[in-house]
Amino acid sequence: MSDPSTVSVDQYLPHPPTTVWRALTDSDLLGRWLMPNDFAPVVGHRFTFRTDPRPGQEFDGTVHCEVLDLDPPRLLRWAWRGGRLDTVVTWTLVAEGKGTRLFLDHAGFDPDDPVQQRTRDLLGGGWRSHVLRRLTETLTSPTP
């Protein structure tokens, strides 16, 4: 049974950890596959992601984040706050052959809050399909 407080994704990417790390920590590249942002890879840096509002999920389109932990090129953790959410996203990179095993944990969803559980389901589907697909496309396309 899955954990109602966490979205977990395990994805193999045929790129070395340093390449994947760059896509996770370069603001322009991050904006290509996730959302426009003002990210900087500095612990304590506060930044935002911007997307379309979702009034039904009590979300105004802005995700307020803060870099919580950084261990290049192995670990990146940031706070993810928006609407009723106060969650944490953790990216863990592990070298595997010529590529990288990427683990994503988005944790902190309240299992007793129906709005947060709907948001968890929406974000989980997004992380697993659209977001990781766009990350893969970004990794395989030439850098502008």
C-alpha atoms as a PDB file:
ATOM      1  CA  MET A   1       0.000   0.000   0.000  1.00  0.00           C
ATOM      2  CA  SER A   2       1.316   3.440  -0.849  1.00  0.00           C
ATOM      3  CA  ASP A   3       2.112   6.084   1.743  1.00  0.00           C
ATOM      4  CA  PRO A   4      -0.679   8.732   1.661  1.00  0.00           C
ATOM      5  CA  SER A   5       1.765  11.403   2.822  1.00  0.00           C
ATOM      6  CA  THR A   6       4.383  10.889   0.075  1.00  0.00           C
ATOM      7  CA  VAL A   7       4.789  10.644  -3.684  1.00  0.00           C
ATOM      8  CA  SER A   8       7.806   8.484  -4.566  1.00  0.00           C
ATOM      9  CA  VAL A   9       9.292   8.049  -8.025  1.00  0.00           C
ATOM     10  CA  ASP A  10      12.266   5.925  -9.114  1.00  0.00           C
ATOM     11  CA  GLN A  11      13.509   6.666 -12.645  1.00  0.00           C
ATOM     12  CA  TYR A  12      16.591   5.563 -14.559  1.00  0.00           C
ATOM     13  CA  LEU A  13      18.063   8.237 -16.827  1.00  0.00           C
ATOM     14  CA  PRO A  14      20.768   7.342 -19.376  1.00  0.00           C
ATOM     15  CA  HIS A  15      22.870  10.384 -18.436  1.00  0.00           C
ATOM     16  CA  PRO A  16      25.663  10.768 -15.865  1.00  0.00           C
ATOM     17  CA  PRO A  17      24.783  12.296 -12.472  1.00  0.00           C
ATOM     18  CA  THR A  18      26.579  15.567 -13.285  1.00  0.00           C
ATOM     19  CA  THR A  19      24.336  16.077 -16.335  1.00  0.00           C
ATOM     20  CA  VAL A  20      21.165  15.286 -14.375  1.00  0.00           C
ATOM     21  CA  TRP A  21      22.372  17.506 -11.517  1.00  0.00           C
ATOM     22  CA  ARG A  22      22.773  20.429 -13.896  1.00  0.00           C
ATOM     23  CA  ALA A  23      19.192  19.974 -15.149  1.00  0.00           C
ATOM     24  CA  LEU A  24      17.989  20.032 -11.522  1.00  0.00           C
ATOM     25  CA  THR A  25      20.018  23.058 -10.423  1.00  0.00           C
ATOM     26  CA  ASP A  26      20.370  25.377 -13.432  1.00  0.00           C
ATOM     27  CA  SER A  27      17.425  27.792 -13.282  1.00  0.00           C
ATOM     28  CA  ASP A  28      17.008  27.990 -17.067  1.00  0.00           C
ATOM     29  CA  LEU A  29      17.127  24.222 -17.554  1.00  0.00           C
ATOM     30  CA  LEU A  30      14.820  23.686 -14.561  1.00  0.00           C
ATOM     31  CA  GLY A  31      12.365  26.108 -16.155  1.00  0.00           C
ATOM     32  CA  ARG A  32      12.419  24.118 -19.397  1.00  0.00           C
ATOM     33  CA  TRP A  33      11.195  20.904 -17.805  1.00  0.00           C
ATOM     34  CA  LEU A  34       9.413  21.980 -14.602  1.00  0.00           C
ATOM     35  CA  MET A  35       8.255  25.606 -14.284  1.00  0.00           C
ATOM     36  CA  PRO A  36       9.601  29.144 -14.609  1.00  0.00           C
ATOM     37  CA  ASN A  37      11.575  29.936 -11.472  1.00  0.00           C
ATOM     38  CA  ASP A  38      14.233  32.012  -9.744  1.00  0.00           C
ATOM     39  CA  PHE A  39      16.097  29.017  -8.297  1.00  0.00           C
ATOM     40  CA  ALA A  40      19.709  29.217  -7.125  1.00  0.00           C
ATOM     41  CA  PRO A  41      21.602  26.192  -5.741  1.00  0.00           C
ATOM     42  CA  VAL A  42      22.315  27.760  -2.347  1.00  0.00           C
ATOM     43  CA  VAL A  43      21.037  26.393   0.978  1.00  0.00           C
ATOM     44  CA  GLY A  44      18.563  28.902   2.407  1.00  0.00           C
ATOM     45  CA  HIS A  45      17.749  30.476  -0.983  1.00  0.00           C
ATOM     46  CA  ARG A  46      14.033  31.220  -1.277  1.00  0.00           C
ATOM     47  CA  PHE A  47      12.566  30.928  -4.746  1.00  0.00           C
ATOM     48  CA  THR A  48       9.267  30.477  -6.537  1.00  0.00           C
ATOM     49  CA  PHE A  49       7.827  28.370  -9.313  1.00  0.00           C
ATOM     50  CA  ARG A  50       4.970  29.863 -11.326  1.00  0.00           C
ATOM     51  CA  THR A  51       2.223  27.989 -13.140  1.00  0.00           C
ATOM     52  CA  ASP A  52      -1.517  28.183 -13.782  1.00  0.00           C
ATOM     53  CA  PRO A  53      -3.733  28.756 -10.738  1.00  0.00           C
ATOM     54  CA  ARG A  54      -5.993  25.898  -9.630  1.00  0.00           C
ATOM     55  CA  PRO A  55      -8.784  27.479  -7.540  1.00  0.00           C
ATOM     56  CA  GLY A  56     -10.417  24.073  -6.905  1.00  0.00           C
ATOM     57  CA  GLN A  57      -7.216  22.993  -5.136  1.00  0.00           C
ATOM     58  CA  GLU A  58      -6.890  26.369  -3.359  1.00  0.00           C
ATOM     59  CA  PHE A  59      -3.715  27.084  -5.390  1.00  0.00           C
ATOM     60  CA  ASP A  60      -2.928  30.538  -6.819  1.00  0.00           C
ATOM     61  CA  GLY A  61      -0.236  29.329  -9.237  1.00  0.00           C
ATOM     62  CA  THR A  62       2.796  30.195  -7.105  1.00  0.00           C
ATOM     63  CA  VAL A  63       4.873  27.568  -5.332  1.00  0.00           C
ATOM     64  CA  HIS A  64       7.013  29.111  -2.604  1.00  0.00           C
ATOM     65  CA  CYS A  65      10.209  27.137  -2.097  1.00  0.00           C
ATOM     66  CA  GLU A  66      13.418  27.194  -0.117  1.00  0.00           C
ATOM     67  CA  VAL A  67      16.576  25.155  -0.673  1.00  0.00           C
ATOM     68  CA  LEU A  68      16.927  23.008   2.455  1.00  0.00           C
ATOM     69  CA  ASP A  69      19.833  20.720   1.592  1.00  0.00           C
ATOM     70  CA  LEU A  70      22.400  20.453  -1.176  1.00  0.00           C
ATOM     71  CA  ASP A  71      25.075  17.791  -1.687  1.00  0.00           C
ATOM     72  CA  PRO A  72      26.237  18.020  -5.329  1.00  0.00           C
ATOM     73  CA  PRO A  73      25.714  15.890  -7.357  1.00  0.00           C
ATOM     74  CA  ARG A  74      23.859  13.525  -5.027  1.00  0.00           C
ATOM     75  CA  LEU A  75      21.117  15.275  -3.058  1.00  0.00           C
ATOM     76  CA  LEU A  76      18.852  18.276  -3.456  1.00  0.00           C
ATOM     77  CA  ARG A  77      15.995  19.042  -1.059  1.00  0.00           C
ATOM     78  CA  TRP A  78      13.632  21.977  -1.114  1.00  0.00           C
ATOM     79  CA  ALA A  79      10.508  23.090   0.722  1.00  0.00           C
ATOM     80  CA  TRP A  80       7.425  23.222  -1.532  1.00  0.00           C
ATOM     81  CA  ARG A  81       4.640  25.456  -0.227  1.00  0.00           C
ATOM     82  CA  GLY A  82       1.524  26.581  -2.023  1.00  0.00           C
ATOM     83  CA  GLY A  83      -2.143  26.717  -1.151  1.00  0.00           C
ATOM     84  CA  ARG A  84      -2.587  24.371   1.810  1.00  0.00           C
ATOM     85  CA  LEU A  85       0.667  22.528   1.163  1.00  0.00           C
ATOM     86  CA  ASP A  86       3.779  22.659   3.284  1.00  0.00           C
ATOM     87  CA  THR A  87       5.773  19.785   1.806  1.00  0.00           C
ATOM     88  CA  VAL A  88       9.343  18.790   0.951  1.00  0.00           C
ATOM     89  CA  VAL A  89      10.733  17.579  -2.380  1.00  0.00           C
ATOM     90  CA  THR A  90      13.899  15.464  -2.234  1.00  0.00           C
ATOM     91  CA  TRP A  91      15.929  14.493  -5.294  1.00  0.00           C
ATOM     92  CA  THR A  92      18.524  11.747  -4.803  1.00  0.00           C
ATOM     93  CA  LEU A  93      20.914  10.832  -7.635  1.00  0.00           C
ATOM     94  CA  VAL A  94      22.800   7.537  -7.681  1.00  0.00           C
ATOM     95  CA  ALA A  95      25.274   6.598 -10.414  1.00  0.00           C
ATOM     96  CA  GLU A  96      24.141   3.419 -12.144  1.00  0.00           C
ATOM     97  CA  GLY A  97      26.223   2.081 -15.017  1.00  0.00           C
ATOM     98  CA  LYS A  98      26.624   4.933 -17.509  1.00  0.00           C
ATOM     99  CA  GLY A  99      23.500   6.662 -16.201  1.00  0.00           C
ATOM    100  CA  THR A 100      21.735   7.855 -13.082  1.00  0.00           C
ATOM    101  CA  ARG A 101      19.038   6.381 -10.890  1.00  0.00           C
ATOM    102  CA  LEU A 102      16.909   9.375  -9.903  1.00  0.00           C
ATOM    103  CA  PHE A 103      14.745   9.080  -6.803  1.00  0.00           C
ATOM    104  CA  LEU A 104      12.105  11.709  -6.102  1.00  0.00           C
ATOM    105  CA  ASP A 105      10.210  11.895  -2.818  1.00  0.00           C
ATOM    106  CA  HIS A 106       7.586  14.598  -2.392  1.00  0.00           C
ATOM    107  CA  ALA A 107       6.589  14.250   1.260  1.00  0.00           C
ATOM    108  CA  GLY A 108       4.377  15.929   3.827  1.00  0.00           C
ATOM    109  CA  PHE A 109       0.850  15.585   2.426  1.00  0.00           C
ATOM    110  CA  ASP A 110      -1.753  15.400   5.199  1.00  0.00           C
ATOM    111  CA  PRO A 111      -3.464  11.995   4.859  1.00  0.00           C
ATOM    112  CA  ASP A 112      -6.561  13.364   6.626  1.00  0.00           C
ATOM    113  CA  ASP A 113      -7.026  16.391   4.339  1.00  0.00           C
ATOM    114  CA  PRO A 114      -9.052  15.521   1.196  1.00  0.00           C
ATOM    115  CA  VAL A 115      -7.758  18.589  -0.693  1.00  0.00           C
ATOM    116  CA  GLN A 116      -4.137  17.634   0.048  1.00  0.00           C
ATOM    117  CA  GLN A 117      -4.789  14.040  -0.979  1.00  0.00           C
ATOM    118  CA  ARG A 118      -6.303  15.186  -4.312  1.00  0.00           C
ATOM    119  CA  THR A 119      -3.285  17.453  -4.766  1.00  0.00           C
ATOM    120  CA  ARG A 120      -0.948  14.545  -3.922  1.00  0.00           C
ATOM    121  CA  ASP A 121      -2.667  12.406  -6.560  1.00  0.00           C
ATOM    122  CA  LEU A 122      -2.451  15.190  -9.177  1.00  0.00           C
ATOM    123  CA  LEU A 123       1.177  15.984  -8.404  1.00  0.00           C
ATOM    124  CA  GLY A 124       2.076  12.292  -8.265  1.00  0.00           C
ATOM    125  CA  GLY A 125       0.650  11.734 -11.729  1.00  0.00           C
ATOM    126  CA  GLY A 126       2.426  14.841 -12.961  1.00  0.00           C
ATOM    127  CA  TRP A 127       5.796  13.881 -11.464  1.00  0.00           C
ATOM    128  CA  ARG A 128       5.561  10.374 -12.920  1.00  0.00           C
ATOM    129  CA  SER A 129       4.460  11.302 -16.420  1.00  0.00           C
ATOM    130  CA  HIS A 130       4.733  14.866 -17.705  1.00  0.00           C
ATOM    131  CA  VAL A 131       7.554  16.172 -15.528  1.00  0.00           C
ATOM    132  CA  LEU A 132       9.962  13.246 -15.882  1.00  0.00           C
ATOM    133  CA  ARG A 133       9.174  13.026 -19.608  1.00  0.00           C
ATOM    134  CA  ARG A 134      10.057  16.713 -20.006  1.00  0.00           C
ATOM    135  CA  LEU A 135      13.204  16.229 -17.905  1.00  0.00           C
ATOM    136  CA  THR A 136      14.245  13.387 -20.219  1.00  0.00           C
ATOM    137  CA  GLU A 137      13.550  15.574 -23.279  1.00  0.00           C
ATOM    138  CA  THR A 138      15.609  18.410 -21.757  1.00  0.00           C
ATOM    139  CA  LEU A 139      18.500  16.044 -21.059  1.00  0.00           C
ATOM    140  CA  THR A 140      18.538  14.749 -24.634  1.00  0.00           C
ATOM    141  CA  SER A 141      18.106  18.079 -26.425  1.00  0.00           C
ATOM    142  CA  PRO A 142      20.956  20.441 -27.151  1.00  0.00           C
ATOM    143  CA  THR A 143      21.477  23.102 -24.493  1.00  0.00           C
ATOM    144  CA  PRO A 144      20.504  26.533 -25.834  1.00  0.00           C
END
